Amino acid sequence: MTGALSDIRVLEMGTLLAGPFCGQQFADHGAEVIKVEPPGSGDPMRAWGQEKADGKSLWWPIVGRGKKSVTINLRETLGQDLVRKLVAETDVLLENFRPGTLERWGLAPADLHAINPRLIVTRVSGYGQNGPYSTQPGFGAIGEAIGGIRYTTGDPTALPSRTGISIGDTLTAMFATIGTLNAIHARERSGVGQVVDAALYESVLAVMESLLTEYHVAGFIRERTGSLIPNIAPANAYPTRDNKLLLISGNQDTVWRRLAQAMGKPELGDDQRFATHIARGDNQLELDELIAEWTSTIDAQDLHKLLNEHSVPNGQMYRAPEMLEDEHFAAREAIVWVDTDDFGTVPMQNVVPKLSGTPGEINWAGPTLGSHNEEIIGGLLGLDRDALEELRQAGIID
């Protein structure tokens, strides 16, 4: 294993997305991530996803990539004992169970720190580890609702929309990753670990910009605004002659004048209706209509080239096909092709961000359930074949 985190071992105990996506980021940068899964079934992400083949998820190769899969029945004493042994050899324990679950299993952070004082316990949950809501179930979608992003997303004439991805889960995973890295750095000074408490709703709330201050000071409540940003113009998606959409962002005064030049109407740059940021905001709908009328006469590729020539930020609305064909994606290796056990070689997004000295790497796609039992439970913990067989017979491992 290579990468900036190649000296870190993570024990991932959790299912679905927020915890496992945090583990994926560690694996991407070289950490040894040992994923603990229920015997027989494994992480539900092995079967989730819009498209499936023989009941196997096309999502699992990505979220499980670079990890080592072991099966342990955490609800049994023997399984909990295995976790204690693994904790002694681990830097980070990552879990996203409902608060109180680890405590019921005798695996509370205090108990784990008694085994390994340097252990960092990263806990991902809906509402955090304390407070009146802490014991309530909370999936990513609920965190998005409570955290404020659902209410502000979508067409103002319709019900609030989701973003099209599990943004609550992924935001929480990224904050959990940042928190864990902070804790690892602090451990270098203190020599002891700590608990990282990442809540879904707080992770969403953290990216809600000035929403709270706007309400407290000005009584302003953000509403859904569809495809535009209120009073920021032009900044919208505009139709092209070949029925595509190009997003154009020309809201700075100097950029707007360059856009007016590109439109062949330089006089609009100094028109009192549009000459300043405030004026464009006040006349946003009229301006959008003028731009859309112009863009609809030009094919997307020609429009993109013209706007680039005038240094106006713009970009086509990409789907997967456009990403796979794009020369910039290819030059940056933003998409890589990875071998899988079930689907052959498949494309997936590469490691982010790029590090010049210790770059991350996708070492393998999501592994077969329990494929690392002998390596980890046998090798790392030193259990012989007879002991492994006893655990299998007891239903603790596969």
Protein backbone atom coordinates (compact mmCIF):
# COMPACT_ATOMS: atom_id res chain seq x y z
CA MET A 1 0.00 0.00 0.00
CA THR A 2 1.21 3.49 -0.83
CA GLY A 3 -0.14 6.92 -0.05
CA ALA A 4 -0.05 9.50 2.72
CA LEU A 5 -1.94 7.23 5.14
CA SER A 6 -0.12 3.96 4.46
CA ASP A 7 0.94 3.72 8.13
CA ILE A 8 -2.66 3.96 9.40
CA ARG A 9 -4.95 1.02 10.12
CA VAL A 10 -8.70 1.67 10.19
CA LEU A 11 -11.29 -0.77 11.54
CA GLU A 12 -14.51 0.10 9.72
CA MET A 13 -17.61 -1.08 11.58
CA GLY A 14 -20.69 0.30 9.90
CA THR A 15 -22.92 -0.13 6.90
CA LEU A 16 -24.57 1.78 4.08
CA LEU A 17 -22.95 5.04 3.09
CA ALA A 18 -21.75 7.68 5.56
CA GLY A 19 -19.33 5.49 7.52
CA PRO A 20 -18.19 3.41 4.53
CA PHE A 21 -17.58 6.51 2.38
CA CYS A 22 -15.32 7.84 5.14
CA GLY A 23 -13.50 4.49 5.06
CA GLN A 24 -13.23 4.72 1.27
CA GLN A 25 -11.39 8.03 1.55
CA PHE A 26 -8.89 6.50 3.97
CA ALA A 27 -8.36 3.49 1.69
CA ASP A 28 -7.91 5.79 -1.32
CA HIS A 29 -4.92 7.39 0.42
CA GLY A 30 -3.26 4.16 1.45
CA ALA A 31 -4.67 3.29 4.87
CA GLU A 32 -5.27 -0.37 5.61
CA VAL A 33 -9.04 -0.39 6.04
CA ILE A 34 -10.44 -3.57 7.58
CA LYS A 35 -14.16 -3.63 6.95
CA VAL A 36 -16.18 -5.66 9.45
CA GLU A 37 -19.39 -7.05 7.93
CA PRO A 38 -22.20 -9.29 9.20
CA PRO A 39 -21.66 -12.95 8.24
CA GLY A 40 -23.80 -14.16 5.38
CA SER A 41 -25.22 -10.81 4.27
CA GLY A 42 -22.48 -8.21 4.48
CA ASP A 43 -22.97 -4.49 4.04
CA PRO A 44 -26.35 -3.72 2.36
CA MET A 45 -24.35 -1.63 -0.12
CA ARG A 46 -23.41 -4.95 -1.74
CA ALA A 47 -26.98 -5.12 -3.01
CA TRP A 48 -28.03 -1.47 -3.22
CA GLY A 49 -27.86 0.72 -6.30
CA GLN A 50 -30.00 1.72 -9.23
CA GLU A 51 -28.56 -0.95 -11.50
CA LYS A 52 -27.84 -4.50 -10.42
CA ALA A 53 -26.56 -7.69 -12.01
CA ASP A 54 -27.44 -11.02 -10.38
CA GLY A 55 -28.39 -9.08 -7.26
CA LYS A 56 -24.95 -7.47 -7.01
CA SER A 57 -24.59 -3.74 -6.71
CA LEU A 58 -22.67 -1.58 -9.15
CA TRP A 59 -22.12 0.82 -6.24
CA TRP A 60 -20.20 -1.65 -4.08
CA PRO A 61 -17.03 -1.77 -6.23
CA ILE A 62 -16.60 1.96 -5.51
CA VAL A 63 -17.56 2.35 -1.84
CA GLY A 64 -15.77 -0.90 -0.95
CA ARG A 65 -12.64 -0.21 -2.95
CA GLY A 66 -9.26 -0.72 -1.35
CA LYS A 67 -10.76 -2.33 1.77
CA LYS A 68 -10.23 -5.75 3.33
CA SER A 69 -13.45 -7.59 4.14
CA VAL A 70 -13.80 -9.68 7.28
CA THR A 71 -17.02 -11.12 8.66
CA ILE A 72 -17.71 -10.89 12.39
CA ASN A 73 -21.01 -11.29 14.22
CA LEU A 74 -20.82 -8.25 16.47
CA ARG A 75 -23.92 -9.26 18.43
CA GLU A 76 -22.18 -12.25 19.97
CA THR A 77 -19.60 -12.18 22.77
CA LEU A 78 -17.04 -14.05 20.71
CA GLY A 79 -17.39 -11.48 17.93
CA GLN A 80 -16.99 -8.62 20.37
CA ASP A 81 -13.86 -10.29 21.72
CA LEU A 82 -12.43 -10.34 18.19
CA VAL A 83 -13.06 -6.61 17.92
CA ARG A 84 -11.20 -6.00 21.17
CA LYS A 85 -8.22 -7.91 19.79
CA LEU A 86 -8.35 -5.94 16.55
CA VAL A 87 -8.60 -2.64 18.43
CA ALA A 88 -5.27 -3.38 20.10
CA GLU A 89 -3.69 -3.32 16.62
CA THR A 90 -5.68 -0.41 15.19
CA ASP A 91 -5.32 3.36 14.85
CA VAL A 92 -8.93 4.26 14.07
CA LEU A 93 -12.24 2.56 14.78
CA LEU A 94 -14.94 3.93 12.48
CA GLU A 95 -18.60 3.18 13.22
CA ASN A 96 -22.00 4.51 12.24
CA PHE A 97 -24.38 2.58 14.46
CA ARG A 98 -27.16 4.26 16.41
CA PRO A 99 -25.66 5.88 19.55
CA GLY A 100 -25.56 3.44 22.44
CA THR A 101 -24.95 0.36 20.28
CA LEU A 102 -21.24 0.10 21.01
CA GLU A 103 -21.98 0.61 24.69
CA ARG A 104 -24.47 -2.28 24.71
CA TRP A 105 -21.81 -4.52 23.18
CA GLY A 106 -19.26 -3.58 25.84
CA LEU A 107 -17.28 -1.63 23.23
CA ALA A 108 -17.75 1.91 24.53
CA PRO A 109 -14.90 4.31 23.74
CA ALA A 110 -13.74 4.22 27.37
CA ASP A 111 -13.51 0.42 27.22
CA LEU A 112 -11.63 0.55 23.92
CA HIS A 113 -9.22 3.22 25.19
CA ALA A 114 -8.42 0.96 28.11
CA ILE A 115 -7.17 -1.53 25.51
CA ASN A 116 -5.51 1.01 23.22
CA PRO A 117 -5.10 4.58 24.58
CA ARG A 118 -3.99 5.81 21.14
CA LEU A 119 -7.20 4.67 19.44
CA ILE A 120 -9.33 7.25 17.65
CA VAL A 121 -13.02 6.36 17.72
CA THR A 122 -14.87 8.04 14.83
CA ARG A 123 -18.61 7.92 15.36
CA VAL A 124 -21.07 8.83 12.59
CA SER A 125 -24.75 9.15 13.45
CA GLY A 126 -27.89 11.05 12.55
CA TYR A 127 -27.99 13.47 15.46
CA GLY A 128 -24.70 12.98 17.29
CA GLN A 129 -23.82 11.07 20.42
CA ASN A 130 -25.74 13.26 22.88
CA GLY A 131 -28.80 15.50 22.99
CA PRO A 132 -32.53 14.71 23.02
CA TYR A 133 -32.56 13.37 19.44
CA SER A 134 -29.41 11.26 19.70
CA THR A 135 -31.19 7.90 20.03
CA GLN A 136 -33.56 8.56 17.14
CA PRO A 137 -32.87 6.82 13.82
CA GLY A 138 -31.39 9.17 11.26
CA PHE A 139 -30.52 8.43 7.65
CA GLY A 140 -28.84 10.89 5.31
CA ALA A 141 -32.14 12.16 3.91
CA ILE A 142 -33.32 13.08 7.41
CA GLY A 143 -30.06 14.92 8.05
CA GLU A 144 -30.62 16.85 4.83
CA ALA A 145 -34.10 17.85 6.02
CA ILE A 146 -33.08 18.87 9.54
CA GLY A 147 -29.86 20.51 8.35
CA GLY A 148 -31.70 22.80 5.90
CA ILE A 149 -30.55 21.74 2.45
CA ARG A 150 -33.76 19.96 1.44
CA TYR A 151 -35.96 23.00 2.03
CA THR A 152 -33.75 25.20 -0.14
CA THR A 153 -33.34 22.73 -3.04
CA GLY A 154 -35.59 22.55 -6.09
CA ASP A 155 -38.28 24.44 -7.95
CA PRO A 156 -40.13 26.99 -5.76
CA THR A 157 -43.47 25.80 -7.17
CA ALA A 158 -42.89 22.17 -6.15
CA LEU A 159 -42.01 20.11 -3.12
CA PRO A 160 -38.39 20.31 -1.94
CA SER A 161 -36.07 18.13 -4.01
CA ARG A 162 -33.12 15.92 -3.25
CA THR A 163 -29.85 16.70 -4.97
CA GLY A 164 -29.72 13.45 -6.96
CA ILE A 165 -26.99 11.96 -4.74
CA SER A 166 -26.84 11.08 -1.04
CA ILE A 167 -25.34 14.44 -0.17
CA GLY A 168 -26.10 14.22 3.56
CA ASP A 169 -24.17 10.98 3.87
CA THR A 170 -21.22 12.10 1.77
CA LEU A 171 -20.89 15.47 3.52
CA THR A 172 -20.88 13.71 6.88
CA ALA A 173 -18.28 11.23 5.65
CA MET A 174 -16.01 14.05 4.55
CA PHE A 175 -16.35 15.90 7.86
CA ALA A 176 -15.73 12.61 9.67
CA THR A 177 -12.58 12.16 7.59
CA ILE A 178 -11.38 15.68 8.37
CA GLY A 179 -12.11 15.18 12.06
CA THR A 180 -10.26 11.87 12.13
CA LEU A 181 -7.21 13.35 10.43
CA ASN A 182 -7.27 16.19 12.96
CA ALA A 183 -7.38 13.62 15.77
CA ILE A 184 -4.47 11.69 14.23
CA HIS A 185 -2.44 14.91 14.10
CA ALA A 186 -3.33 15.80 17.71
CA ARG A 187 -2.28 12.30 18.80
CA GLU A 188 1.23 13.02 17.54
CA ARG A 189 1.48 15.69 20.26
CA SER A 190 -0.55 14.13 23.05
CA GLY A 191 0.07 10.42 22.49
CA VAL A 192 -3.60 9.63 23.14
CA GLY A 193 -6.66 9.16 20.99
CA GLN A 194 -10.08 10.76 21.25
CA VAL A 195 -13.66 10.49 19.99
CA VAL A 196 -14.70 12.14 16.72
CA ASP A 197 -18.47 12.80 16.77
CA ALA A 198 -19.85 13.47 13.26
CA ALA A 199 -23.61 14.07 12.97
CA LEU A 200 -25.50 14.00 9.69
CA TYR A 201 -27.61 17.07 10.37
CA GLU A 202 -24.64 19.14 11.62
CA SER A 203 -22.58 18.25 8.56
CA VAL A 204 -25.36 19.56 6.32
CA LEU A 205 -25.83 22.61 8.52
CA ALA A 206 -22.10 23.37 8.24
CA VAL A 207 -22.39 24.08 4.50
CA MET A 208 -25.55 26.21 4.70
CA GLU A 209 -23.56 29.43 4.32
CA SER A 210 -25.14 32.48 6.03
CA LEU A 211 -28.64 30.98 6.36
CA LEU A 212 -28.89 31.45 10.15
CA THR A 213 -27.31 34.90 10.29
CA GLU A 214 -29.55 36.17 7.48
CA TYR A 215 -32.62 35.14 9.45
CA HIS A 216 -31.41 36.49 12.80
CA VAL A 217 -30.28 39.88 11.51
CA ALA A 218 -32.57 40.51 8.54
CA GLY A 219 -35.50 38.16 9.08
CA PHE A 220 -34.71 36.59 5.71
CA ILE A 221 -35.58 32.91 5.14
CA ARG A 222 -33.94 31.26 2.16
CA GLU A 223 -36.42 29.65 -0.22
CA ARG A 224 -36.13 27.35 -3.22
CA THR A 225 -35.04 29.26 -6.30
CA GLY A 226 -34.79 26.60 -8.98
CA SER A 227 -31.87 26.95 -11.36
CA LEU A 228 -30.93 30.54 -10.56
CA ILE A 229 -29.27 32.27 -7.63
CA PRO A 230 -31.44 35.20 -6.53
CA ASN A 231 -29.88 38.58 -7.32
CA ILE A 232 -26.77 36.95 -8.84
CA ALA A 233 -26.96 37.40 -12.60
CA PRO A 234 -26.27 36.10 -15.07
CA ALA A 235 -25.69 32.69 -13.49
CA ASN A 236 -27.99 30.09 -14.95
CA ALA A 237 -28.32 27.25 -17.43
CA TYR A 238 -29.22 28.36 -20.93
CA PRO A 239 -30.54 26.35 -23.91
CA THR A 240 -28.51 25.86 -27.07
CA ARG A 241 -29.59 25.27 -30.66
CA ASP A 242 -28.75 21.55 -30.44
CA ASN A 243 -30.99 21.08 -27.36
CA LYS A 244 -28.24 21.06 -24.75
CA LEU A 245 -27.77 23.21 -21.67
CA LEU A 246 -24.78 25.43 -21.00
CA LEU A 247 -24.25 26.98 -17.61
CA ILE A 248 -22.93 30.53 -17.90
CA SER A 249 -21.62 32.50 -14.93
CA GLY A 250 -21.03 36.14 -15.81
CA ASN A 251 -22.13 37.93 -12.67
CA GLN A 252 -19.05 40.12 -12.15
CA ASP A 253 -19.23 43.49 -13.88
CA THR A 254 -16.12 42.93 -16.01
CA VAL A 255 -17.21 39.41 -16.97
CA TRP A 256 -20.69 40.64 -17.86
CA ARG A 257 -19.21 43.21 -20.25
CA ARG A 258 -17.17 40.46 -21.90
CA LEU A 259 -20.33 38.36 -22.23
CA ALA A 260 -22.10 41.30 -23.85
CA GLN A 261 -19.23 41.50 -26.34
CA ALA A 262 -19.58 37.77 -27.08
CA MET A 263 -23.31 38.27 -27.67
CA GLY A 264 -22.51 40.90 -30.29
CA LYS A 265 -24.29 43.51 -28.16
CA PRO A 266 -21.53 45.44 -26.37
CA GLU A 267 -23.99 48.23 -25.57
CA LEU A 268 -25.67 45.92 -23.04
CA GLY A 269 -22.51 46.06 -20.94
CA ASP A 270 -23.22 49.69 -20.04
CA ASP A 271 -27.02 49.48 -20.16
CA GLN A 272 -28.37 50.89 -16.87
CA ARG A 273 -30.55 47.80 -16.44
CA PHE A 274 -27.51 45.50 -16.38
CA ALA A 275 -24.35 47.57 -15.87
CA THR A 276 -23.93 46.84 -12.14
CA HIS A 277 -24.27 43.78 -9.93
CA ILE A 278 -27.32 45.27 -8.19
CA ALA A 279 -28.98 46.31 -11.45
CA ARG A 280 -28.54 42.84 -12.95
CA GLY A 281 -30.03 41.31 -9.82
CA ASP A 282 -33.03 43.63 -10.01
CA ASN A 283 -33.57 42.74 -13.69
CA GLN A 284 -32.53 39.10 -13.47
CA LEU A 285 -35.46 37.53 -15.30
CA GLU A 286 -35.28 40.00 -18.18
CA LEU A 287 -31.53 39.42 -18.51
CA ASP A 288 -31.94 35.64 -18.49
CA GLU A 289 -34.49 35.91 -21.28
CA LEU A 290 -32.11 38.00 -23.40
CA ILE A 291 -29.25 35.54 -22.92
CA ALA A 292 -31.43 32.47 -23.54
CA GLU A 293 -32.73 34.00 -26.76
CA TRP A 294 -29.14 34.40 -27.94
CA THR A 295 -27.77 31.02 -26.78
CA SER A 296 -30.63 29.15 -28.46
CA THR A 297 -29.25 30.23 -31.85
CA ILE A 298 -25.83 28.54 -31.33
CA ASP A 299 -24.77 24.91 -30.92
CA ALA A 300 -23.30 24.04 -27.52
CA GLN A 301 -19.76 23.36 -28.70
CA ASP A 302 -19.58 26.57 -30.72
CA LEU A 303 -21.03 28.54 -27.83
CA HIS A 304 -18.51 27.02 -25.42
CA LYS A 305 -15.65 27.99 -27.73
CA LEU A 306 -16.96 31.54 -28.20
CA LEU A 307 -17.40 32.14 -24.49
CA ASN A 308 -13.93 30.80 -23.74
CA GLU A 309 -12.51 33.20 -26.30
CA HIS A 310 -14.12 36.03 -24.31
CA SER A 311 -13.03 34.57 -20.92
CA VAL A 312 -16.59 33.99 -19.74
CA PRO A 313 -16.90 31.01 -17.34
CA ASN A 314 -19.17 28.36 -18.81
CA GLY A 315 -19.71 24.64 -18.87
CA GLN A 316 -22.04 22.07 -20.34
CA MET A 317 -24.34 20.03 -18.12
CA TYR A 318 -22.49 16.71 -18.09
CA ARG A 319 -23.89 13.23 -17.63
CA ALA A 320 -21.85 10.04 -17.46
CA PRO A 321 -21.47 9.76 -21.28
CA GLU A 322 -20.01 13.26 -21.58
CA MET A 323 -17.61 12.62 -18.68
CA LEU A 324 -16.29 9.43 -20.24
CA GLU A 325 -15.65 11.21 -23.56
CA ASP A 326 -14.14 14.42 -22.20
CA GLU A 327 -10.47 15.10 -22.97
CA HIS A 328 -9.89 17.06 -19.76
CA PHE A 329 -11.24 14.23 -17.61
CA ALA A 330 -8.86 11.91 -19.49
CA ALA A 331 -5.83 14.20 -19.18
CA ARG A 332 -6.36 14.58 -15.44
CA GLU A 333 -7.18 10.87 -15.00
CA ALA A 334 -10.33 11.94 -13.17
CA ILE A 335 -11.85 8.61 -14.20
CA VAL A 336 -9.98 5.33 -13.93
CA TRP A 337 -10.80 1.79 -15.04
CA VAL A 338 -10.68 -0.84 -12.29
CA ASP A 339 -11.01 -4.64 -12.48
CA THR A 340 -13.91 -6.15 -10.54
CA ASP A 341 -14.87 -9.72 -9.66
CA ASP A 342 -18.40 -9.41 -11.03
CA PHE A 343 -18.49 -6.82 -13.83
CA GLY A 344 -15.13 -6.95 -15.56
CA THR A 345 -13.27 -3.65 -15.87
CA VAL A 346 -15.44 -0.67 -14.94
CA PRO A 347 -14.94 3.10 -14.81
CA MET A 348 -15.10 4.98 -11.52
CA GLN A 349 -14.02 8.35 -10.19
CA ASN A 350 -10.37 8.55 -9.20
CA VAL A 351 -8.90 9.52 -5.83
CA VAL A 352 -9.48 13.14 -4.76
CA PRO A 353 -7.55 15.31 -4.07
CA LYS A 354 -4.32 14.75 -5.96
CA LEU A 355 -1.15 14.82 -3.85
CA SER A 356 2.15 15.47 -5.63
CA GLY A 357 4.41 13.57 -3.24
CA THR A 358 2.19 10.83 -1.80
CA PRO A 359 -0.61 10.32 -4.32
CA GLY A 360 -3.55 8.11 -3.49
CA GLU A 361 -4.40 5.02 -5.48
CA ILE A 362 -7.26 2.58 -6.00
CA ASN A 363 -5.66 -0.74 -5.14
CA TRP A 364 -8.71 -2.92 -5.84
CA ALA A 365 -12.47 -2.73 -6.20
CA GLY A 366 -14.87 -3.71 -3.43
CA PRO A 367 -13.83 -7.21 -2.27
CA THR A 368 -15.81 -10.42 -1.95
CA LEU A 369 -17.51 -10.82 1.43
CA GLY A 370 -15.12 -12.26 4.02
CA SER A 371 -12.28 -12.63 1.55
CA HIS A 372 -9.73 -11.36 4.09
CA ASN A 373 -10.84 -13.42 7.08
CA GLU A 374 -7.76 -15.63 7.12
CA GLU A 375 -5.37 -12.73 6.50
CA ILE A 376 -6.79 -10.57 9.30
CA ILE A 377 -8.33 -12.90 11.87
CA GLY A 378 -5.82 -15.65 11.23
CA GLY A 379 -2.72 -13.67 10.31
CA LEU A 380 -3.00 -10.36 12.17
CA LEU A 381 -4.59 -11.86 15.30
CA GLY A 382 -2.63 -15.11 15.11
CA LEU A 383 -5.57 -17.54 15.26
CA ASP A 384 -4.79 -20.95 13.83
CA ARG A 385 -7.05 -22.93 11.48
CA ASP A 386 -8.71 -24.83 14.32
CA ALA A 387 -9.62 -21.59 16.05
CA LEU A 388 -10.97 -20.14 12.81
CA GLU A 389 -13.05 -23.26 12.25
CA GLU A 390 -14.52 -22.99 15.75
CA LEU A 391 -15.55 -19.40 15.00
CA ARG A 392 -17.15 -20.53 11.75
CA GLN A 393 -19.05 -23.32 13.48
CA ALA A 394 -20.29 -20.83 16.08
CA GLY A 395 -21.55 -18.47 13.33
CA ILE A 396 -19.14 -15.70 14.35
CA ILE A 397 -17.37 -15.56 10.97
CA ASP A 398 -18.10 -16.98 7.52
